[in-house]
Amino acid sequence: MSLVLVLGTRPQVIKSVPIIQQMLRQRLDVKVIHTGQHYDYKLSKIFLKRRIYRSPMPI
């Protein structure tokens, strides 16, 4: 099963972290699409560094 999460604002990204982590623990194929509405370079780097999401797909 493949799941796609569409996130736009910084609060959505922060709130989605536990959900994404649980889905990854369950070995689900999760794609994160970040619309960049409240894009923050440092926040994105932290999430990528900690592997909270693998590689965001900006649109």
N, C-alpha and C. Protein backbone atom coordinates (compact mmCIF):
# COMPACT_ATOMS: atom_id res chain seq x y z
N MET A 1 0.84 -1.16 0.00
CA MET A 1 0.00 0.00 0.00
C MET A 1 0.89 1.24 0.00
N SER A 2 0.52 2.22 -0.77
CA SER A 2 1.26 3.47 -0.83
C SER A 2 0.36 4.60 -0.34
N LEU A 3 0.89 5.42 0.55
CA LEU A 3 0.15 6.54 1.11
C LEU A 3 0.83 7.84 0.75
N VAL A 4 0.02 8.86 0.48
CA VAL A 4 0.55 10.18 0.18
C VAL A 4 -0.02 11.17 1.18
N LEU A 5 0.87 11.91 1.84
CA LEU A 5 0.46 12.97 2.76
C LEU A 5 0.80 14.31 2.12
N VAL A 6 -0.17 15.20 2.06
CA VAL A 6 0.05 16.54 1.52
C VAL A 6 0.06 17.51 2.70
N LEU A 7 1.19 18.17 2.88
CA LEU A 7 1.36 19.10 4.00
C LEU A 7 1.70 20.48 3.45
N GLY A 8 1.13 21.50 4.05
CA GLY A 8 1.38 22.85 3.55
C GLY A 8 1.98 23.78 4.56
N THR A 9 1.40 23.80 5.74
CA THR A 9 1.85 24.76 6.74
C THR A 9 2.79 24.11 7.75
N ARG A 10 3.58 24.92 8.39
CA ARG A 10 4.52 24.43 9.40
C ARG A 10 3.81 23.64 10.50
N PRO A 11 2.67 24.12 11.03
CA PRO A 11 1.98 23.33 12.06
C PRO A 11 1.54 21.95 11.56
N GLN A 12 1.13 21.85 10.29
CA GLN A 12 0.76 20.55 9.74
C GLN A 12 1.96 19.61 9.72
N VAL A 13 3.10 20.14 9.33
CA VAL A 13 4.32 19.33 9.27
C VAL A 13 4.66 18.81 10.67
N ILE A 14 4.65 19.71 11.65
CA ILE A 14 5.01 19.33 13.02
C ILE A 14 4.03 18.31 13.58
N LYS A 15 2.73 18.52 13.36
CA LYS A 15 1.71 17.60 13.88
C LYS A 15 1.75 16.23 13.20
N SER A 16 2.26 16.19 11.98
CA SER A 16 2.26 14.93 11.24
C SER A 16 3.42 14.00 11.61
N VAL A 17 4.42 14.52 12.31
CA VAL A 17 5.62 13.74 12.61
C VAL A 17 5.31 12.40 13.26
N PRO A 18 4.53 12.34 14.36
CA PRO A 18 4.27 11.03 14.98
C PRO A 18 3.54 10.07 14.05
N ILE A 19 2.67 10.61 13.22
CA ILE A 19 1.91 9.77 12.28
C ILE A 19 2.86 9.18 11.24
N ILE A 20 3.73 10.02 10.69
CA ILE A 20 4.68 9.56 9.68
C ILE A 20 5.63 8.53 10.28
N GLN A 21 6.12 8.80 11.48
CA GLN A 21 7.03 7.85 12.13
C GLN A 21 6.36 6.49 12.34
N GLN A 22 5.11 6.50 12.76
CA GLN A 22 4.40 5.23 12.98
C GLN A 22 4.20 4.49 11.66
N MET A 23 3.85 5.21 10.61
CA MET A 23 3.68 4.57 9.31
C MET A 23 4.99 3.96 8.82
N LEU A 24 6.10 4.66 9.06
CA LEU A 24 7.40 4.12 8.65
C LEU A 24 7.77 2.88 9.47
N ARG A 25 7.41 2.89 10.75
CA ARG A 25 7.66 1.70 11.58
C ARG A 25 6.87 0.50 11.06
N GLN A 26 5.70 0.77 10.53
CA GLN A 26 4.85 -0.28 9.97
C GLN A 26 5.30 -0.67 8.56
N ARG A 27 6.37 -0.04 8.10
CA ARG A 27 6.94 -0.29 6.78
C ARG A 27 5.97 0.01 5.64
N LEU A 28 5.16 1.04 5.84
CA LEU A 28 4.26 1.48 4.78
C LEU A 28 5.04 2.40 3.83
N ASP A 29 4.64 2.38 2.58
CA ASP A 29 5.26 3.25 1.59
C ASP A 29 4.60 4.62 1.71
N VAL A 30 5.30 5.57 2.31
CA VAL A 30 4.74 6.90 2.58
C VAL A 30 5.47 7.93 1.74
N LYS A 31 4.70 8.73 1.02
CA LYS A 31 5.25 9.85 0.26
C LYS A 31 4.73 11.12 0.91
N VAL A 32 5.62 12.07 1.13
CA VAL A 32 5.25 13.36 1.72
C VAL A 32 5.39 14.43 0.66
N ILE A 33 4.29 15.13 0.41
CA ILE A 33 4.31 16.24 -0.52
C ILE A 33 4.17 17.51 0.31
N HIS A 34 5.17 18.37 0.22
CA HIS A 34 5.16 19.62 0.98
C HIS A 34 4.90 20.76 0.00
N THR A 35 3.80 21.48 0.22
CA THR A 35 3.45 22.56 -0.71
C THR A 35 4.31 23.80 -0.53
N GLY A 36 5.01 23.88 0.60
CA GLY A 36 5.92 24.99 0.82
C GLY A 36 5.25 26.28 1.25
N GLN A 37 4.00 26.20 1.70
CA GLN A 37 3.29 27.42 2.09
C GLN A 37 4.04 28.18 3.18
N HIS A 38 4.48 27.48 4.20
CA HIS A 38 5.27 28.08 5.28
C HIS A 38 6.63 27.39 5.31
N TYR A 39 7.32 27.41 4.20
CA TYR A 39 8.58 26.68 4.08
C TYR A 39 9.63 27.27 5.01
N ASP A 40 10.33 26.40 5.68
CA ASP A 40 11.43 26.80 6.56
C ASP A 40 12.60 25.86 6.29
N TYR A 41 13.68 26.40 5.75
CA TYR A 41 14.84 25.59 5.37
C TYR A 41 15.37 24.78 6.55
N LYS A 42 15.51 25.43 7.72
CA LYS A 42 16.07 24.75 8.89
C LYS A 42 15.16 23.62 9.36
N LEU A 43 13.86 23.85 9.37
CA LEU A 43 12.91 22.83 9.80
C LEU A 43 12.97 21.63 8.86
N SER A 44 13.02 21.88 7.57
CA SER A 44 13.11 20.78 6.61
C SER A 44 14.40 19.99 6.78
N LYS A 45 15.51 20.69 7.02
CA LYS A 45 16.79 20.00 7.23
C LYS A 45 16.74 19.09 8.45
N ILE A 46 16.10 19.55 9.53
CA ILE A 46 15.98 18.75 10.75
C ILE A 46 15.20 17.48 10.45
N PHE A 47 14.08 17.61 9.75
CA PHE A 47 13.25 16.44 9.47
C PHE A 47 13.98 15.45 8.58
N LEU A 48 14.71 15.96 7.60
CA LEU A 48 15.46 15.05 6.72
C LEU A 48 16.60 14.39 7.48
N LYS A 49 17.30 15.16 8.31
CA LYS A 49 18.43 14.62 9.07
C LYS A 49 17.98 13.51 10.01
N ARG A 50 16.84 13.70 10.65
CA ARG A 50 16.33 12.71 11.60
C ARG A 50 15.49 11.64 10.91
N ARG A 51 15.40 11.74 9.60
CA ARG A 51 14.65 10.78 8.78
C ARG A 51 13.19 10.67 9.20
N ILE A 52 12.63 11.80 9.58
CA ILE A 52 11.21 11.83 9.90
C ILE A 52 10.42 11.65 8.61
N TYR A 53 10.90 12.23 7.56
CA TYR A 53 10.42 11.85 6.24
C TYR A 53 11.62 11.75 5.33
N ARG A 54 11.50 10.89 4.35
CA ARG A 54 12.67 10.55 3.54
C ARG A 54 13.08 11.68 2.61
N SER A 55 12.32 11.93 1.60
CA SER A 55 12.65 13.02 0.70
C SER A 55 11.36 13.71 0.30
N PRO A 56 11.13 14.90 0.80
CA PRO A 56 9.89 15.59 0.48
C PRO A 56 9.84 15.94 -0.99
N MET A 57 8.64 15.95 -1.54
CA MET A 57 8.45 16.31 -2.93
C MET A 57 7.74 17.66 -2.97
N PRO A 58 8.49 18.76 -3.11
CA PRO A 58 7.84 20.07 -3.14
C PRO A 58 7.05 20.25 -4.43
N ILE A 59 5.96 21.00 -4.33
CA ILE A 59 5.18 21.30 -5.54
C ILE A 59 5.07 22.79 -5.72
